[in-house]
Structure formats: C-alpha cells, structure tokens
PDB file of N, CA and C in Angstrom:
ATOM      1  N   UNK A   1     -77.440 -13.195 103.527  1.00  0.00           N
ATOM      2  CA  UNK A   1     -78.425 -12.636 104.586  1.00  0.00           C
ATOM      3  C   UNK A   1     -79.844 -12.890 104.044  1.00  0.00           C
ATOM      4  N   UNK A   2     -80.653 -13.318 104.901  1.00  0.00           N
ATOM      5  CA  UNK A   2     -81.951 -13.610 104.857  1.00  0.00           C
ATOM      6  C   UNK A   2     -82.597 -12.041 104.730  1.00  0.00           C
ATOM      7  N   UNK A   3     -83.789 -12.025 103.961  1.00  0.00           N
ATOM      8  CA  UNK A   3     -84.537 -10.768 104.238  1.00  0.00           C
ATOM      9  C   UNK A   3     -85.928 -11.095 104.346  1.00  0.00           C
ATOM     10  N   UNK A   4     -86.557  -9.917 104.829  1.00  0.00           N
ATOM     11  CA  UNK A   4     -88.053  -9.915 104.709  1.00  0.00           C
ATOM     12  C   UNK A   4     -88.522  -8.657 104.248  1.00  0.00           C
ATOM     13  N   UNK A   5     -89.845  -8.562 103.717  1.00  0.00           N
ATOM     14  CA  UNK A   5     -90.272  -7.428 103.213  1.00  0.00           C
ATOM     15  C   UNK A   5     -91.303  -6.776 104.390  1.00  0.00           C
ATOM     16  N   UNK A   6     -91.475  -5.435 104.281  1.00  0.00           N
ATOM     17  CA  UNK A   6     -92.634  -4.888 105.026  1.00  0.00           C
ATOM     18  C   UNK A   6     -93.182  -3.906 103.991  1.00  0.00           C
ATOM     19  N   UNK A   7     -94.434  -3.522 104.244  1.00  0.00           N
ATOM     20  CA  UNK A   7     -95.352  -2.677 103.411  1.00  0.00           C
ATOM     21  C   UNK A   7     -95.330  -1.240 103.954  1.00  0.00           C
ATOM     22  N   UNK A   8     -95.025  -0.319 103.195  1.00  0.00           N
ATOM     23  CA  UNK A   8     -95.332   1.089 103.893  1.00  0.00           C
ATOM     24  C   UNK A   8     -96.319   1.730 102.774  1.00  0.00           C
ATOM     25  N   UNK A   9     -97.189   2.656 103.316  1.00  0.00           N
ATOM     26  CA  UNK A   9     -98.001   3.292 102.433  1.00  0.00           C
ATOM     27  C   UNK A   9     -97.297   4.173 101.481  1.00  0.00           C
ATOM     28  N   UNK A  10     -97.806   4.498 100.270  1.00  0.00           N
ATOM     29  CA  UNK A  10     -97.200   5.182  99.085  1.00  0.00           C
ATOM     30  C   UNK A  10     -96.686   6.406  99.592  1.00  0.00           C
ATOM     31  N   UNK A  11     -97.309   7.439 100.312  1.00  0.00           N
ATOM     32  CA  UNK A  11     -96.777   8.549 100.832  1.00  0.00           C
ATOM     33  C   UNK A  11     -95.532   8.500 101.532  1.00  0.00           C
ATOM     34  N   UNK A  12     -95.451   7.631 102.575  1.00  0.00           N
ATOM     35  CA  UNK A  12     -94.249   7.270 103.236  1.00  0.00           C
ATOM     36  C   UNK A  12     -93.211   6.749 102.457  1.00  0.00           C
ATOM     37  N   UNK A  13     -93.477   5.910 101.513  1.00  0.00           N
ATOM     38  CA  UNK A  13     -92.426   5.344 100.797  1.00  0.00           C
ATOM     39  C   UNK A  13     -91.752   6.471  99.747  1.00  0.00           C
ATOM     40  N   UNK A  14     -92.799   7.255  99.298  1.00  0.00           N
ATOM     41  CA  UNK A  14     -92.191   8.435  98.485  1.00  0.00           C
ATOM     42  C   UNK A  14     -91.367   9.338  99.143  1.00  0.00           C
ATOM     43  N   UNK A  15     -91.590   9.538 100.606  1.00  0.00           N
ATOM     44  CA  UNK A  15     -90.667  10.384 101.431  1.00  0.00           C
ATOM     45  C   UNK A  15     -89.452   9.507 101.744  1.00  0.00           C
ATOM     46  N   UNK A  16     -89.700   8.395 101.928  1.00  0.00           N
ATOM     47  CA  UNK A  16     -88.468   7.495 102.237  1.00  0.00           C
ATOM     48  C   UNK A  16     -87.486   7.509 100.899  1.00  0.00           C
ATOM     49  N   UNK A  17     -88.025   7.390  99.878  1.00  0.00           N
ATOM     50  CA  UNK A  17     -86.992   7.572  98.745  1.00  0.00           C
ATOM     51  C   UNK A  17     -86.513   8.879  98.433  1.00  0.00           C
ATOM     52  N   UNK A  18     -87.213   9.829  98.633  1.00  0.00           N
ATOM     53  CA  UNK A  18     -86.715  11.128  98.619  1.00  0.00           C
ATOM     54  C   UNK A  18     -85.361  11.461  99.643  1.00  0.00           C
ATOM     55  N   UNK A  19     -85.723  11.264 100.829  1.00  0.00           N
ATOM     56  CA  UNK A  19     -84.618  11.511 101.826  1.00  0.00           C
ATOM     57  C   UNK A  19     -83.460  10.514 101.737  1.00  0.00           C
ATOM     58  N   UNK A  20     -83.572   9.320 101.156  1.00  0.00           N
ATOM     59  CA  UNK A  20     -82.691   8.367 100.887  1.00  0.00           C
ATOM     60  C   UNK A  20     -81.661   8.840  99.861  1.00  0.00           C
ATOM     61  N   UNK A  21     -82.413   9.368  98.727  1.00  0.00           N
ATOM     62  CA  UNK A  21     -81.487  10.001  97.625  1.00  0.00           C
ATOM     63  C   UNK A  21     -80.815  11.216  98.200  1.00  0.00           C
ATOM     64  N   UNK A  22     -81.486  12.062  98.891  1.00  0.00           N
ATOM     65  CA  UNK A  22     -80.838  13.241  99.442  1.00  0.00           C
ATOM     66  C   UNK A  22     -79.573  12.941 100.429  1.00  0.00           C
ATOM     67  N   UNK A  23     -79.684  11.815 101.228  1.00  0.00           N
ATOM     68  CA  UNK A  23     -78.744  11.544 102.027  1.00  0.00           C
ATOM     69  C   UNK A  23     -77.626  10.681 101.480  1.00  0.00           C
ATOM     70  N   UNK A  24     -77.876  10.335 100.126  1.00  0.00           N
ATOM     71  CA  UNK A  24     -76.771   9.575  99.479  1.00  0.00           C
ATOM     72  C   UNK A  24     -76.731   8.016  99.428  1.00  0.00           C
ATOM     73  N   UNK A  25     -77.953   7.532 100.186  1.00  0.00           N
ATOM     74  CA  UNK A  25     -78.041   6.094 100.279  1.00  0.00           C
ATOM     75  C   UNK A  25     -78.158   5.347  98.906  1.00  0.00           C
ATOM     76  N   UNK A  26     -77.658   4.212  98.900  1.00  0.00           N
ATOM     77  CA  UNK A  26     -77.921   3.570  97.482  1.00  0.00           C
ATOM     78  C   UNK A  26     -79.177   3.117  96.944  1.00  0.00           C
ATOM     79  N   UNK A  27     -80.106   2.903  98.277  1.00  0.00           N
ATOM     80  CA  UNK A  27     -81.539   2.515  97.857  1.00  0.00           C
ATOM     81  C   UNK A  27     -82.237   2.897  99.126  1.00  0.00           C
ATOM     82  N   UNK A  28     -83.673   2.894  98.975  1.00  0.00           N
ATOM     83  CA  UNK A  28     -84.598   3.138  99.940  1.00  0.00           C
ATOM     84  C   UNK A  28     -84.303   2.194 101.115  1.00  0.00           C
ATOM     85  N   UNK A  29     -84.140   0.877 100.715  1.00  0.00           N
ATOM     86  CA  UNK A  29     -84.187  -0.253 101.822  1.00  0.00           C
ATOM     87  C   UNK A  29     -82.880   0.083 102.549  1.00  0.00           C
ATOM     88  N   UNK A  30     -81.675   0.475 101.998  1.00  0.00           N
ATOM     89  CA  UNK A  30     -80.580   0.634 102.828  1.00  0.00           C
ATOM     90  C   UNK A  30     -80.849   1.797 103.759  1.00  0.00           C
ATOM     91  N   UNK A  31     -81.515   2.832 103.416  1.00  0.00           N
ATOM     92  CA  UNK A  31     -82.009   3.979 104.245  1.00  0.00           C
ATOM     93  C   UNK A  31     -82.872   3.705 105.435  1.00  0.00           C
ATOM     94  N   UNK A  32     -83.926   2.628 105.210  1.00  0.00           N
ATOM     95  CA  UNK A  32     -84.818   2.259 106.266  1.00  0.00           C
ATOM     96  C   UNK A  32     -84.021   1.282 107.181  1.00  0.00           C
ATOM     97  N   UNK A  33     -83.271   0.511 106.559  1.00  0.00           N
ATOM     98  CA  UNK A  33     -82.381  -0.368 107.491  1.00  0.00           C
ATOM     99  C   UNK A  33     -81.746   0.392 108.520  1.00  0.00           C
ATOM    100  N   UNK A  34     -80.957   1.425 107.996  1.00  0.00           N
ATOM    101  CA  UNK A  34     -80.096   2.259 108.720  1.00  0.00           C
ATOM    102  C   UNK A  34     -81.052   2.961 109.868  1.00  0.00           C
ATOM    103  N   UNK A  35     -82.094   3.480 109.671  1.00  0.00           N
ATOM    104  CA  UNK A  35     -82.961   4.379 110.501  1.00  0.00           C
ATOM    105  C   UNK A  35     -83.407   3.118 111.391  1.00  0.00           C
ATOM    106  N   UNK A  36     -83.886   2.050 111.175  1.00  0.00           N
ATOM    107  CA  UNK A  36     -84.193   1.024 112.126  1.00  0.00           C
ATOM    108  C   UNK A  36     -83.161   0.667 113.049  1.00  0.00           C
ATOM    109  N   UNK A  37     -82.058   0.434 112.519  1.00  0.00           N
ATOM    110  CA  UNK A  37     -80.850  -0.026 113.321  1.00  0.00           C
ATOM    111  C   UNK A  37     -80.552   1.046 114.355  1.00  0.00           C
ATOM    112  N   UNK A  38     -80.573   2.338 113.918  1.00  0.00           N
ATOM    113  CA  UNK A  38     -80.329   3.452 114.896  1.00  0.00           C
ATOM    114  C   UNK A  38     -81.250   3.536 116.010  1.00  0.00           C
ATOM    115  N   UNK A  39     -82.524   3.420 115.709  1.00  0.00           N
ATOM    116  CA  UNK A  39     -83.606   3.468 116.630  1.00  0.00           C
ATOM    117  C   UNK A  39     -83.636   2.245 117.457  1.00  0.00           C
ATOM    118  N   UNK A  40     -83.284   1.042 116.961  1.00  0.00           N
ATOM    119  CA  UNK A  40     -83.251  -0.124 117.961  1.00  0.00           C
ATOM    120  C   UNK A  40     -81.870  -0.088 118.828  1.00  0.00           C
ATOM    121  N   UNK A  41     -80.987   0.338 118.134  1.00  0.00           N
ATOM    122  CA  UNK A  41     -79.753   0.555 119.122  1.00  0.00           C
ATOM    123  C   UNK A  41     -79.955   1.396 120.333  1.00  0.00           C
ATOM    124  N   UNK A  42     -80.705   2.510 120.188  1.00  0.00           N
ATOM    125  CA  UNK A  42     -81.107   3.439 121.258  1.00  0.00           C
ATOM    126  C   UNK A  42     -82.026   2.537 122.162  1.00  0.00           C
ATOM    127  N   UNK A  43     -82.943   1.680 121.856  1.00  0.00           N
ATOM    128  CA  UNK A  43     -83.659   1.183 122.809  1.00  0.00           C
ATOM    129  C   UNK A  43     -82.978   0.078 123.598  1.00  0.00           C
ATOM    130  N   UNK A  44     -81.976  -0.599 122.801  1.00  0.00           N
ATOM    131  CA  UNK A  44     -81.056  -1.860 123.391  1.00  0.00           C
ATOM    132  C   UNK A  44     -80.359  -1.154 124.638  1.00  0.00           C
ATOM    133  N   UNK A  45     -80.058  -0.076 124.810  1.00  0.00           N
ATOM    134  CA  UNK A  45     -79.355   0.453 126.015  1.00  0.00           C
ATOM    135  C   UNK A  45     -80.325   0.704 127.078  1.00  0.00           C
ATOM    136  N   UNK A  46     -81.538   0.261 127.073  1.00  0.00           N
ATOM    137  CA  UNK A  46     -82.433   0.293 128.206  1.00  0.00           C
ATOM    138  C   UNK A  46     -82.197  -0.973 129.082  1.00  0.00           C
ATOM    139  N   UNK A  47     -82.531  -0.578 130.391  1.00  0.00           N
ATOM    140  CA  UNK A  47     -82.310  -1.684 131.314  1.00  0.00           C
ATOM    141  C   UNK A  47     -83.514  -2.466 131.552  1.00  0.00           C
ATOM    142  N   UNK A  48     -84.760  -1.972 131.244  1.00  0.00           N
ATOM    143  CA  UNK A  48     -85.779  -2.777 131.483  1.00  0.00           C
ATOM    144  C   UNK A  48     -86.961  -2.501 130.496  1.00  0.00           C
ATOM    145  N   UNK A  49     -87.973  -3.377 130.321  1.00  0.00           N
ATOM    146  CA  UNK A  49     -89.054  -3.361 129.512  1.00  0.00           C
ATOM    147  C   UNK A  49     -89.851  -1.781 129.830  1.00  0.00           C
ATOM    148  N   UNK A  50     -90.003  -1.586 131.040  1.00  0.00           N
ATOM    149  CA  UNK A  50     -90.610  -0.335 131.256  1.00  0.00           C
ATOM    150  C   UNK A  50     -89.922   1.039 130.653  1.00  0.00           C
ATOM    151  N   UNK A  51     -88.569   0.910 130.712  1.00  0.00           N
ATOM    152  CA  UNK A  51     -87.782   1.963 130.312  1.00  0.00           C
ATOM    153  C   UNK A  51     -87.896   2.073 128.739  1.00  0.00           C
ATOM    154  N   UNK A  52     -87.966   0.984 128.170  1.00  0.00           N
ATOM    155  CA  UNK A  52     -88.179   0.744 126.604  1.00  0.00           C
ATOM    156  C   UNK A  52     -89.544   1.357 126.288  1.00  0.00           C
ATOM    157  N   UNK A  53     -90.433   1.078 127.121  1.00  0.00           N
ATOM    158  CA  UNK A  53     -91.841   1.563 126.777  1.00  0.00           C
ATOM    159  C   UNK A  53     -91.876   3.060 126.874  1.00  0.00           C
ATOM    160  N   UNK A  54     -91.290   3.639 128.027  1.00  0.00           N
ATOM    161  CA  UNK A  54     -91.225   5.069 128.200  1.00  0.00           C
ATOM    162  C   UNK A  54     -90.601   5.751 126.922  1.00  0.00           C
ATOM    163  N   UNK A  55     -89.514   5.195 126.652  1.00  0.00           N
ATOM    164  CA  UNK A  55     -88.735   5.791 125.193  1.00  0.00           C
ATOM    165  C   UNK A  55     -89.819   5.601 124.024  1.00  0.00           C
ATOM    166  N   UNK A  56     -90.339   4.516 123.775  1.00  0.00           N
ATOM    167  CA  UNK A  56     -91.313   4.416 122.762  1.00  0.00           C
ATOM    168  C   UNK A  56     -92.329   5.303 122.793  1.00  0.00           C
ATOM    169  N   UNK A  57     -92.825   5.624 124.089  1.00  0.00           N
ATOM    170  CA  UNK A  57     -94.075   6.493 124.261  1.00  0.00           C
ATOM    171  C   UNK A  57     -93.493   7.979 123.993  1.00  0.00           C
ATOM    172  N   UNK A  58     -92.333   8.181 124.488  1.00  0.00           N
ATOM    173  CA  UNK A  58     -91.634   9.540 124.188  1.00  0.00           C
ATOM    174  C   UNK A  58     -91.548   9.818 122.913  1.00  0.00           C
ATOM    175  N   UNK A  59     -91.194   8.876 122.082  1.00  0.00           N
ATOM    176  CA  UNK A  59     -91.029   9.062 120.673  1.00  0.00           C
ATOM    177  C   UNK A  59     -92.311   8.931 119.721  1.00  0.00           C
ATOM    178  N   UNK A  60     -93.574   8.739 120.622  1.00  0.00           N
ATOM    179  CA  UNK A  60     -94.628   8.744 119.950  1.00  0.00           C
ATOM    180  C   UNK A  60     -95.172   7.459 119.153  1.00  0.00           C
ATOM    181  N   UNK A  61     -94.418   6.507 119.417  1.00  0.00           N
ATOM    182  CA  UNK A  61     -94.546   5.127 118.698  1.00  0.00           C
ATOM    183  C   UNK A  61     -95.674   4.344 119.397  1.00  0.00           C
ATOM    184  N   UNK A  62     -95.895   4.750 120.705  1.00  0.00           N
ATOM    185  CA  UNK A  62     -97.021   3.934 121.415  1.00  0.00           C
ATOM    186  C   UNK A  62     -97.826   4.953 122.246  1.00  0.00           C
ATOM    187  N   UNK A  63     -98.990   4.578 122.497  1.00  0.00           N
ATOM    188  CA  UNK A  63     -99.785   5.695 123.333  1.00  0.00           C
ATOM    189  C   UNK A  63     -99.963   5.423 124.599  1.00  0.00           C
TER     190      UNK A  63
END
C-alpha cells in the first residue's frame, strides 16, 4: 500500500501519541488513520455536497 505523509504540529502530535497508546493502537499513524476513516465514512453517507458542508461546519472543520 502506498502511503503519504502529513505534518502535524508538535502539541497535536503529542496528544495523538498519548491517546493512541491509551487506546491500544500499535502506532500513532494507525490511530490517525482510524480517526480519519471514521470521519470520512460519516461524510460518505451524505447525499449532496451541501450536506457534507453542513456536517463539516457542524463539526467545526469549516467556518
């Protein structure tokens, strides 16, 4: 499987490592991938771009 890297600020990465370890993930990367898959799966149930935007706005991801 091909992979790509993303950058996170140090404070967020420290929190990711902390919660990944607490939750029993084998790595921070595995935890982040699971979180992203879960969020995206929720968005994929949307019927329209407007509905996706509403969900993202409701989650605070867009203003």
